PDB file of N, CA and C in Angstrom:
ATOM      1  N   MET A   1     146.515  89.732  79.441  1.00  0.00           N
ATOM      2  CA  MET A   1     147.758  88.934  79.840  1.00  0.00           C
ATOM      3  C   MET A   1     147.691  87.055  79.134  1.00  0.00           C
ATOM      4  N   SER A   2     148.759  87.427  78.429  1.00  0.00           N
ATOM      5  CA  SER A   2     149.546  86.073  77.827  1.00  0.00           C
ATOM      6  C   SER A   2     150.646  85.167  78.953  1.00  0.00           C
ATOM      7  N   ILE A   3     150.444  84.196  78.239  1.00  0.00           N
ATOM      8  CA  ILE A   3     150.876  82.901  79.219  1.00  0.00           C
ATOM      9  C   ILE A   3     152.026  83.114  79.882  1.00  0.00           C
ATOM     10  N   GLU A   4     153.100  83.046  78.460  1.00  0.00           N
ATOM     11  CA  GLU A   4     154.447  83.562  79.606  1.00  0.00           C
ATOM     12  C   GLU A   4     154.204  84.232  80.160  1.00  0.00           C
ATOM     13  N   GLU A   5     153.470  85.719  80.491  1.00  0.00           N
ATOM     14  CA  GLU A   5     153.567  86.860  81.528  1.00  0.00           C
ATOM     15  C   GLU A   5     153.030  86.157  82.532  1.00  0.00           C
ATOM     16  N   TYR A   6     151.874  85.545  82.570  1.00  0.00           N
ATOM     17  CA  TYR A   6     151.537  84.617  83.693  1.00  0.00           C
ATOM     18  C   TYR A   6     152.293  83.996  84.496  1.00  0.00           C
ATOM     19  N   ARG A   7     153.356  83.106  83.465  1.00  0.00           N
ATOM     20  CA  ARG A   7     154.097  82.801  84.253  1.00  0.00           C
ATOM     21  C   ARG A   7     155.119  83.543  85.037  1.00  0.00           C
ATOM     22  N   ARG A   8     155.137  84.457  84.392  1.00  0.00           N
ATOM     23  CA  ARG A   8     156.369  85.274  84.638  1.00  0.00           C
ATOM     24  C   ARG A   8     155.867  85.595  86.219  1.00  0.00           C
ATOM     25  N   GLN A   9     154.728  86.170  86.200  1.00  0.00           N
ATOM     26  CA  GLN A   9     154.366  86.921  87.505  1.00  0.00           C
ATOM     27  C   GLN A   9     154.166  85.368  88.485  1.00  0.00           C
ATOM     28  N   ILE A  10     153.946  84.418  87.992  1.00  0.00           N
ATOM     29  CA  ILE A  10     153.662  83.467  88.923  1.00  0.00           C
ATOM     30  C   ILE A  10     155.195  83.138  89.856  1.00  0.00           C
ATOM     31  N   LEU A  11     155.651  82.901  89.383  1.00  0.00           N
ATOM     32  CA  LEU A  11     157.379  82.238  89.486  1.00  0.00           C
ATOM     33  C   LEU A  11     157.701  83.534  90.518  1.00  0.00           C
ATOM     34  N   THR A  12     157.598  84.601  89.969  1.00  0.00           N
ATOM     35  CA  THR A  12     157.752  86.127  91.173  1.00  0.00           C
ATOM     36  C   THR A  12     157.651  86.209  92.328  1.00  0.00           C
ATOM     37  N   ALA A  13     155.937  85.110  92.684  1.00  0.00           N
ATOM     38  CA  ALA A  13     155.434  84.746  93.586  1.00  0.00           C
ATOM     39  C   ALA A  13     155.560  83.877  94.584  1.00  0.00           C
ATOM     40  N   LEU A  14     156.459  83.408  93.799  1.00  0.00           N
ATOM     41  CA  LEU A  14     156.500  81.965  94.122  1.00  0.00           C
ATOM     42  C   LEU A  14     158.151  82.843  95.425  1.00  0.00           C
ATOM     43  N   LEU A  15     158.597  83.771  94.528  1.00  0.00           N
ATOM     44  CA  LEU A  15     159.896  83.938  94.900  1.00  0.00           C
ATOM     45  C   LEU A  15     159.958  85.419  95.894  1.00  0.00           C
ATOM     46  N   ALA A  16     159.409  85.540  96.060  1.00  0.00           N
ATOM     47  CA  ALA A  16     158.988  86.679  96.740  1.00  0.00           C
ATOM     48  C   ALA A  16     158.183  85.880  98.571  1.00  0.00           C
ATOM     49  N   LYS A  17     157.070  84.544  98.017  1.00  0.00           N
ATOM     50  CA  LYS A  17     157.025  83.953  99.905  1.00  0.00           C
ATOM     51  C   LYS A  17     158.517  83.588 100.766  1.00  0.00           C
ATOM     52  N   THR A  18     157.784  83.905 101.739  1.00  0.00           N
ATOM     53  CA  THR A  18     158.949  83.718 102.751  1.00  0.00           C
ATOM     54  C   THR A  18     158.391  82.977 103.822  1.00  0.00           C
ATOM     55  N   ASN A  19     159.467  82.457 104.680  1.00  0.00           N
ATOM     56  CA  ASN A  19     159.270  81.591 105.412  1.00  0.00           C
ATOM     57  C   ASN A  19     158.465  82.463 107.343  1.00  0.00           C
ATOM     58  N   THR A  20     158.734  81.690 108.121  1.00  0.00           N
ATOM     59  CA  THR A  20     158.244  82.350 109.670  1.00  0.00           C
ATOM     60  C   THR A  20     159.485  83.015 109.857  1.00  0.00           C
ATOM     61  N   LYS A  21     160.802  82.733 109.021  1.00  0.00           N
ATOM     62  CA  LYS A  21     161.646  83.513 109.697  1.00  0.00           C
ATOM     63  C   LYS A  21     162.328  84.982 108.700  1.00  0.00           C
ATOM     64  N   GLY A  22     161.717  84.927 107.512  1.00  0.00           N
ATOM     65  CA  GLY A  22     161.636  85.673 106.912  1.00  0.00           C
ATOM     66  C   GLY A  22     162.350  85.419 106.106  1.00  0.00           C
ATOM     67  N   GLU A  23     162.686  83.919 105.672  1.00  0.00           N
ATOM     68  CA  GLU A  23     163.708  83.453 104.639  1.00  0.00           C
ATOM     69  C   GLU A  23     163.054  83.389 103.262  1.00  0.00           C
ATOM     70  N   PRO A  24     163.113  83.332 101.900  1.00  0.00           N
ATOM     71  CA  PRO A  24     162.637  82.826 101.083  1.00  0.00           C
ATOM     72  C   PRO A  24     162.569  81.345 101.605  1.00  0.00           C
ATOM     73  N   CYS A  25     161.253  80.738 100.609  1.00  0.00           N
ATOM     74  CA  CYS A  25     160.552  79.906 100.824  1.00  0.00           C
ATOM     75  C   CYS A  25     161.622  78.703  99.260  1.00  0.00           C
ATOM     76  N   PHE A  26     161.586  79.377  98.623  1.00  0.00           N
ATOM     77  CA  PHE A  26     162.347  78.684  97.446  1.00  0.00           C
ATOM     78  C   PHE A  26     163.575  79.675  96.361  1.00  0.00           C
ATOM     79  N   ASP A  27     163.900  79.369  96.277  1.00  0.00           N
ATOM     80  CA  ASP A  27     165.296  79.923  94.932  1.00  0.00           C
ATOM     81  C   ASP A  27     164.524  79.878  93.908  1.00  0.00           C
ATOM     82  N   GLY A  28     165.581  80.208  92.611  1.00  0.00           N
ATOM     83  CA  GLY A  28     164.929  79.655  91.669  1.00  0.00           C
ATOM     84  C   GLY A  28     164.983  79.347  91.061  1.00  0.00           C
ATOM     85  N   SER A  29     165.687  77.997  91.052  1.00  0.00           N
ATOM     86  CA  SER A  29     165.544  76.637  90.844  1.00  0.00           C
ATOM     87  C   SER A  29     164.282  75.941  90.905  1.00  0.00           C
ATOM     88  N   SER A  30     164.153  75.870  92.135  1.00  0.00           N
ATOM     89  CA  SER A  30     163.108  75.057  93.002  1.00  0.00           C
ATOM     90  C   SER A  30     161.560  76.067  92.587  1.00  0.00           C
ATOM     91  N   ALA A  31     161.525  76.655  92.354  1.00  0.00           N
ATOM     92  CA  ALA A  31     160.416  77.790  92.312  1.00  0.00           C
ATOM     93  C   ALA A  31     160.168  77.691  90.308  1.00  0.00           C
ATOM     94  N   ARG A  32     161.013  77.548  89.646  1.00  0.00           N
ATOM     95  CA  ARG A  32     161.075  77.396  88.233  1.00  0.00           C
ATOM     96  C   ARG A  32     160.277  75.598  87.772  1.00  0.00           C
ATOM     97  N   GLU A  33     160.835  75.036  88.693  1.00  0.00           N
ATOM     98  CA  GLU A  33     160.468  73.095  89.110  1.00  0.00           C
ATOM     99  C   GLU A  33     159.443  73.165  89.193  1.00  0.00           C
ATOM    100  N   LEU A  34     158.554  73.862  90.147  1.00  0.00           N
ATOM    101  CA  LEU A  34     157.341  74.144  90.777  1.00  0.00           C
ATOM    102  C   LEU A  34     156.449  74.219  89.900  1.00  0.00           C
ATOM    103  N   LEU A  35     156.592  75.740  88.674  1.00  0.00           N
ATOM    104  CA  LEU A  35     156.228  76.269  88.039  1.00  0.00           C
ATOM    105  C   LEU A  35     155.926  75.512  86.938  1.00  0.00           C
ATOM    106  N   ALA A  36     156.832  74.303  86.456  1.00  0.00           N
ATOM    107  CA  ALA A  36     156.855  73.744  85.239  1.00  0.00           C
ATOM    108  C   ALA A  36     155.794  72.469  85.359  1.00  0.00           C
ATOM    109  N   GLN A  37     155.732  71.972  86.708  1.00  0.00           N
ATOM    110  CA  GLN A  37     154.417  70.801  86.834  1.00  0.00           C
ATOM    111  C   GLN A  37     152.758  71.645  86.037  1.00  0.00           C
ATOM    112  N   LEU A  38     153.114  72.944  85.661  1.00  0.00           N
ATOM    113  CA  LEU A  38     151.779  73.464  85.851  1.00  0.00           C
ATOM    114  C   LEU A  38     151.976  73.255  82.933  1.00  0.00           C
ATOM    115  N   SER A  39     151.146  72.921  82.560  1.00  0.00           N
ATOM    116  CA  SER A  39     151.144  72.876  81.079  1.00  0.00           C
ATOM    117  C   SER A  39     150.457  74.268  81.045  1.00  0.00           C
ATOM    118  N   ASP A  40     151.341  74.780  79.864  1.00  0.00           N
ATOM    119  CA  ASP A  40     149.950  76.272  79.192  1.00  0.00           C
ATOM    120  C   ASP A  40     148.531  76.448  79.037  1.00  0.00           C
ATOM    121  N   GLU A  41     148.346  74.769  78.781  1.00  0.00           N
ATOM    122  CA  GLU A  41     146.786  74.758  78.481  1.00  0.00           C
ATOM    123  C   GLU A  41     146.432  74.514  80.579  1.00  0.00           C
ATOM    124  N   GLU A  42     147.126  73.942  80.928  1.00  0.00           N
ATOM    125  CA  GLU A  42     145.998  74.507  82.397  1.00  0.00           C
ATOM    126  C   GLU A  42     146.753  75.769  83.017  1.00  0.00           C
ATOM    127  N   LEU A  43     147.749  76.617  82.898  1.00  0.00           N
ATOM    128  CA  LEU A  43     147.550  78.063  82.845  1.00  0.00           C
ATOM    129  C   LEU A  43     146.677  78.686  82.218  1.00  0.00           C
ATOM    130  N   LYS A  44     145.886  78.100  81.042  1.00  0.00           N
ATOM    131  CA  LYS A  44     145.173  79.166  79.684  1.00  0.00           C
ATOM    132  C   LYS A  44     143.564  78.543  80.964  1.00  0.00           C
ATOM    133  N   GLU A  45     143.494  77.614  81.382  1.00  0.00           N
ATOM    134  CA  GLU A  45     142.392  77.663  81.967  1.00  0.00           C
ATOM    135  C   GLU A  45     141.832  78.284  83.134  1.00  0.00           C
ATOM    136  N   GLY A  46     142.874  78.464  84.026  1.00  0.00           N
ATOM    137  CA  GLY A  46     143.303  79.396  84.464  1.00  0.00           C
ATOM    138  C   GLY A  46     143.438  80.445  85.261  1.00  0.00           C
ATOM    139  N   LEU A  47     144.126  81.032  84.107  1.00  0.00           N
ATOM    140  CA  LEU A  47     144.022  82.708  84.166  1.00  0.00           C
ATOM    141  C   LEU A  47     142.922  83.093  83.887  1.00  0.00           C
ATOM    142  N   LEU A  48     141.659  82.844  83.511  1.00  0.00           N
ATOM    143  CA  LEU A  48     140.564  83.693  84.243  1.00  0.00           C
ATOM    144  C   LEU A  48     140.134  83.501  85.629  1.00  0.00           C
ATOM    145  N   PHE A  49     140.272  83.087  86.086  1.00  0.00           N
ATOM    146  CA  PHE A  49     140.349  83.092  87.355  1.00  0.00           C
ATOM    147  C   PHE A  49     140.861  83.291  89.123  1.00  0.00           C
ATOM    148  N   ASN A  50     142.472  82.686  88.102  1.00  0.00           N
ATOM    149  CA  ASN A  50     142.863  83.066  89.620  1.00  0.00           C
ATOM    150  C   ASN A  50     143.597  83.907  89.023  1.00  0.00           C
ATOM    151  N   THR A  51     144.359  84.335  90.644  1.00  0.00           N
ATOM    152  CA  THR A  51     145.669  85.546  90.364  1.00  0.00           C
ATOM    153  C   THR A  51     146.964  84.335  90.024  1.00  0.00           C
ATOM    154  N   PRO A  52     147.889  85.200  89.657  1.00  0.00           N
ATOM    155  CA  PRO A  52     149.659  84.550  89.785  1.00  0.00           C
ATOM    156  C   PRO A  52     149.309  84.397  91.109  1.00  0.00           C
ATOM    157  N   GLU A  53     149.228  85.245  92.170  1.00  0.00           N
ATOM    158  CA  GLU A  53     149.733  84.890  93.748  1.00  0.00           C
ATOM    159  C   GLU A  53     148.869  83.602  94.318  1.00  0.00           C
ATOM    160  N   ASP A  54     147.654  83.333  94.067  1.00  0.00           N
ATOM    161  CA  ASP A  54     147.048  82.127  94.022  1.00  0.00           C
ATOM    162  C   ASP A  54     147.480  80.888  93.506  1.00  0.00           C
ATOM    163  N   VAL A  55     147.878  80.978  92.551  1.00  0.00           N
ATOM    164  CA  VAL A  55     148.581  79.711  91.804  1.00  0.00           C
ATOM    165  C   VAL A  55     149.889  79.526  92.754  1.00  0.00           C
ATOM    166  N   ALA A  56     150.522  80.856  92.357  1.00  0.00           N
ATOM    167  CA  ALA A  56     151.520  80.479  94.052  1.00  0.00           C
ATOM    168  C   ALA A  56     151.544  79.974  95.119  1.00  0.00           C
ATOM    169  N   ASP A  57     149.999  79.994  95.604  1.00  0.00           N
ATOM    170  CA  ASP A  57     150.286  79.735  96.801  1.00  0.00           C
ATOM    171  C   ASP A  57     149.633  78.089  97.142  1.00  0.00           C
ATOM    172  N   VAL A  58     149.086  77.620  95.746  1.00  0.00           N
ATOM    173  CA  VAL A  58     148.909  76.094  95.194  1.00  0.00           C
ATOM    174  C   VAL A  58     150.468  75.636  94.963  1.00  0.00           C
ATOM    175  N   LEU A  59     150.966  76.050  94.500  1.00  0.00           N
ATOM    176  CA  LEU A  59     152.827  75.458  94.257  1.00  0.00           C
ATOM    177  C   LEU A  59     153.354  75.126  95.493  1.00  0.00           C
ATOM    178  N   SER A  60     152.623  76.256  96.116  1.00  0.00           N
ATOM    179  CA  SER A  60     153.653  76.451  97.458  1.00  0.00           C
ATOM    180  C   SER A  60     153.581  75.497  98.044  1.00  0.00           C
ATOM    181  N   GLY A  61     152.358  75.208  98.083  1.00  0.00           N
ATOM    182  CA  GLY A  61     152.076  74.201  98.654  1.00  0.00           C
ATOM    183  C   GLY A  61     152.212  72.359  98.254  1.00  0.00           C
ATOM    184  N   VAL A  62     152.375  72.631  98.015  1.00  0.00           N
ATOM    185  CA  VAL A  62     152.156  71.487  96.634  1.00  0.00           C
ATOM    186  C   VAL A  62     153.781  71.153  97.109  1.00  0.00           C
ATOM    187  N   GLY A  63     154.683  71.986  97.159  1.00  0.00           N
ATOM    188  CA  GLY A  63     155.884  71.907  97.603  1.00  0.00           C
ATOM    189  C   GLY A  63     156.358  71.993  99.229  1.00  0.00           C
ATOM    190  N   LYS A  64     155.757  71.845  99.435  1.00  0.00           N
ATOM    191  CA  LYS A  64     155.888  71.162 101.270  1.00  0.00           C
ATOM    192  C   LYS A  64     155.606  69.907 101.519  1.00  0.00           C
ATOM    193  N   LEU A  65     155.156  69.151 100.696  1.00  0.00           N
ATOM    194  CA  LEU A  65     154.345  67.714 100.597  1.00  0.00           C
ATOM    195  C   LEU A  65     155.626  66.776 100.255  1.00  0.00           C
TER     196      LEU A  65
END
């Protein structure tokens, strides 16, 4: 999988996250902002070990701080 595809899948996973009321946790802008915190190099390192959903979980935790 390419880094671009990995980023798209992480973005999709972030946008799919909902709160307890079923409302989206992130809009497109905030999800892209969170994802932009990770460099291509960081994503390359994690690509073999982390699913896009795993990365989205970590990023969504960071977004709540």
